[in-house]
Amino acid sequence: MIRRKLSAEELRELRAIAEYQFGVSGEVLIPGDVVAVVSPSTNRIRVLERDGRKYLSIRAGDYRFNLHISSAKILHAHLSPPYLRVYVKNEYSPFVMRGGNVFAKHVLLADPRIRPGDEVLVVDENDALIATGRAILAGHEIVYYKRGEAVRVREGVLKGGQ
């Protein structure tokens, strides 16, 4: 993998994707100090790093972002609740913080606008960020169902985010 600075055009494109996907200003989520990790075979950006750590990953299939804890913290601070949030019962939070997946029976509330495949912020009852991952179910289904996986956690705050 090759690390390099983003061109102005690439930065504009990535910020536009962030605005579309998360509904937040691209400058907020993608600052000018990010470094691109580029695939040597395809010459496409795969990861954005900040301070030497994974910040955002780019999905090859649809060119949308996968969140990591450092970028999820930025979104959490700039998005008003309950947007893109899945609220987990406090007694289940330690498991999720270590990277465990979220099951529907442990969810108190979820943003009804969440669609399957969306990147979400997993928070505890007090709206403290505990993990980030990809929704398996739609937001209204997450609170309706009492069985099955609701969010596949990519990273918990204790597993790799601090």
Protein backbone atom coordinates (compact mmCIF):
# COMPACT_ATOMS: atom_id res chain seq x y z
CA MET A 1 0.00 0.00 0.00
CA ILE A 2 1.15 3.50 -0.84
CA ARG A 3 0.58 6.50 1.44
CA ARG A 4 0.22 9.97 -0.07
CA LYS A 5 -1.41 13.34 0.39
CA LEU A 6 -4.79 13.90 -1.25
CA SER A 7 -5.13 16.18 -4.24
CA ALA A 8 -7.63 19.05 -4.02
CA GLU A 9 -9.95 17.23 -6.43
CA GLU A 10 -9.82 13.99 -4.42
CA LEU A 11 -10.48 15.90 -1.21
CA ARG A 12 -13.55 17.58 -2.77
CA GLU A 13 -14.88 14.24 -4.01
CA LEU A 14 -14.38 12.49 -0.66
CA ARG A 15 -16.01 15.36 1.21
CA ALA A 16 -19.01 15.21 -1.13
CA ILE A 17 -19.38 11.49 -0.41
CA ALA A 18 -19.24 12.20 3.34
CA GLU A 19 -21.91 14.88 3.02
CA TYR A 20 -24.17 12.55 1.06
CA GLN A 21 -23.64 9.53 3.30
CA PHE A 22 -23.70 11.17 6.74
CA GLY A 23 -25.44 14.51 6.27
CA VAL A 24 -22.58 16.47 7.82
CA SER A 25 -20.24 19.00 6.24
CA GLY A 26 -17.40 17.26 4.43
CA GLU A 27 -14.85 19.65 5.96
CA VAL A 28 -15.95 18.55 9.43
CA LEU A 29 -15.50 14.83 8.78
CA ILE A 30 -12.53 14.96 6.41
CA PRO A 31 -9.97 17.58 7.48
CA GLY A 32 -7.07 18.58 5.28
CA ASP A 33 -4.52 16.58 7.30
CA VAL A 34 -5.75 13.11 6.28
CA VAL A 35 -3.41 10.82 4.37
CA ALA A 36 -4.62 8.48 1.63
CA VAL A 37 -3.60 4.83 1.55
CA VAL A 38 -3.75 3.79 -2.09
CA SER A 39 -3.89 0.31 -3.60
CA PRO A 40 -0.78 -0.20 -5.77
CA SER A 41 -2.65 -2.44 -8.21
CA THR A 42 -5.72 -0.27 -8.83
CA ASN A 43 -4.37 3.13 -7.75
CA ARG A 44 -7.63 3.73 -5.85
CA ILE A 45 -7.90 5.15 -2.36
CA ARG A 46 -8.78 2.42 0.16
CA VAL A 47 -8.18 4.04 3.55
CA LEU A 48 -7.86 7.52 4.98
CA GLU A 49 -5.48 7.82 7.92
CA ARG A 50 -5.21 10.58 10.47
CA ASP A 51 -2.39 10.81 12.99
CA GLY A 52 -1.04 7.50 11.70
CA ARG A 53 -4.26 5.55 12.46
CA LYS A 54 -7.17 4.34 10.34
CA TYR A 55 -9.75 7.08 10.16
CA LEU A 56 -12.11 6.06 7.36
CA SER A 57 -12.11 3.06 5.01
CA ILE A 58 -13.60 3.22 1.55
CA ARG A 59 -15.71 0.30 0.37
CA ALA A 60 -14.58 -0.90 -3.05
CA GLY A 61 -18.08 -1.95 -4.15
CA ASP A 62 -19.96 1.32 -3.72
CA TYR A 63 -17.25 3.85 -2.79
CA ARG A 64 -18.89 4.72 0.52
CA PHE A 65 -17.18 5.05 3.88
CA ASN A 66 -16.74 2.60 6.72
CA LEU A 67 -16.36 4.39 10.04
CA HIS A 68 -13.64 3.79 12.60
CA ILE A 69 -13.78 5.06 16.18
CA SER A 70 -11.79 8.24 15.48
CA SER A 71 -14.16 9.32 12.69
CA ALA A 72 -17.21 8.10 14.62
CA LYS A 73 -16.27 10.45 17.48
CA ILE A 74 -16.33 13.39 15.07
CA LEU A 75 -19.75 12.37 13.70
CA HIS A 76 -21.09 11.78 17.20
CA ALA A 77 -20.12 15.31 18.20
CA HIS A 78 -21.71 16.91 15.12
CA LEU A 79 -24.91 14.90 14.58
CA SER A 80 -27.87 15.56 16.82
CA PRO A 81 -29.47 12.53 18.48
CA PRO A 82 -30.90 10.12 17.48
CA TYR A 83 -29.50 10.53 13.92
CA LEU A 84 -27.54 7.41 12.85
CA ARG A 85 -27.58 6.13 16.43
CA VAL A 86 -28.47 2.77 17.92
CA TYR A 87 -28.99 2.96 21.70
CA VAL A 88 -27.92 -0.13 23.65
CA LYS A 89 -28.88 -1.06 27.22
CA ASN A 90 -26.14 -0.06 29.68
CA GLU A 91 -25.68 -3.59 31.02
CA TYR A 92 -24.78 -4.78 27.50
CA SER A 93 -22.44 -1.85 26.75
CA PRO A 94 -19.17 -3.40 28.04
CA PHE A 95 -19.56 -6.32 25.62
CA VAL A 96 -20.11 -3.94 22.68
CA MET A 97 -17.22 -1.68 23.76
CA ARG A 98 -14.90 -4.68 23.36
CA GLY A 99 -16.16 -5.25 19.80
CA GLY A 100 -19.16 -7.55 20.35
CA ASN A 101 -22.05 -7.31 17.90
CA VAL A 102 -25.35 -5.69 18.88
CA PHE A 103 -28.42 -7.92 19.04
CA ALA A 104 -31.94 -6.55 18.65
CA LYS A 105 -33.06 -7.61 22.13
CA HIS A 106 -30.42 -5.32 23.69
CA VAL A 107 -31.49 -2.19 21.79
CA LEU A 108 -33.62 0.49 23.44
CA LEU A 109 -33.95 2.91 20.52
CA ALA A 110 -32.70 3.31 16.97
CA ASP A 111 -32.98 6.07 14.40
CA PRO A 112 -35.94 5.00 12.20
CA ARG A 113 -34.12 6.38 9.13
CA ILE A 114 -31.39 3.74 9.39
CA ARG A 115 -31.36 1.35 6.42
CA PRO A 116 -29.69 -2.06 6.28
CA GLY A 117 -26.05 -1.55 5.34
CA ASP A 118 -25.82 1.97 6.79
CA GLU A 119 -22.88 2.90 8.98
CA VAL A 120 -24.16 3.62 12.49
CA LEU A 121 -22.99 4.96 15.82
CA VAL A 122 -23.64 2.57 18.71
CA VAL A 123 -24.22 4.47 21.94
CA ASP A 124 -25.24 3.63 25.50
CA GLU A 125 -28.36 4.92 27.26
CA ASN A 126 -26.56 8.21 28.03
CA ASP A 127 -25.57 8.78 24.36
CA ALA A 128 -21.89 7.98 25.00
CA LEU A 129 -20.23 6.46 21.93
CA ILE A 130 -19.30 2.81 22.55
CA ALA A 131 -18.81 1.38 19.04
CA THR A 132 -19.35 1.79 15.33
CA GLY A 133 -20.54 -0.70 12.77
CA ARG A 134 -22.92 -1.58 9.97
CA ALA A 135 -26.67 -1.97 10.48
CA ILE A 136 -28.05 -5.37 9.56
CA LEU A 137 -31.68 -4.34 10.02
CA ALA A 138 -33.60 -1.15 9.30
CA GLY A 139 -33.99 1.23 12.25
CA HIS A 140 -37.67 0.49 12.81
CA GLU A 141 -36.96 -3.28 12.65
CA ILE A 142 -34.15 -3.07 15.19
CA VAL A 143 -36.54 -1.96 17.94
CA TYR A 144 -39.39 -4.18 16.74
CA TYR A 145 -37.55 -7.49 16.63
CA LYS A 146 -36.39 -9.22 19.79
CA ARG A 147 -34.10 -11.74 18.08
CA GLY A 148 -31.12 -11.64 15.80
CA GLU A 149 -28.20 -9.39 15.01
CA ALA A 150 -28.98 -5.70 14.63
CA VAL A 151 -25.52 -4.16 14.13
CA ARG A 152 -22.31 -5.86 13.08
CA VAL A 153 -19.73 -3.96 15.12
CA ARG A 154 -16.51 -3.05 13.31
CA GLU A 155 -14.75 -1.43 16.21
CA GLY A 156 -15.54 -0.86 19.88
CA VAL A 157 -13.99 1.97 21.85
CA LEU A 158 -12.00 -0.48 23.99
CA LYS A 159 -10.90 -2.79 21.19
CA GLY A 160 -9.07 -0.39 18.93
CA GLY A 161 -10.45 3.07 19.14
CA GLN A 162 -8.53 4.77 21.93
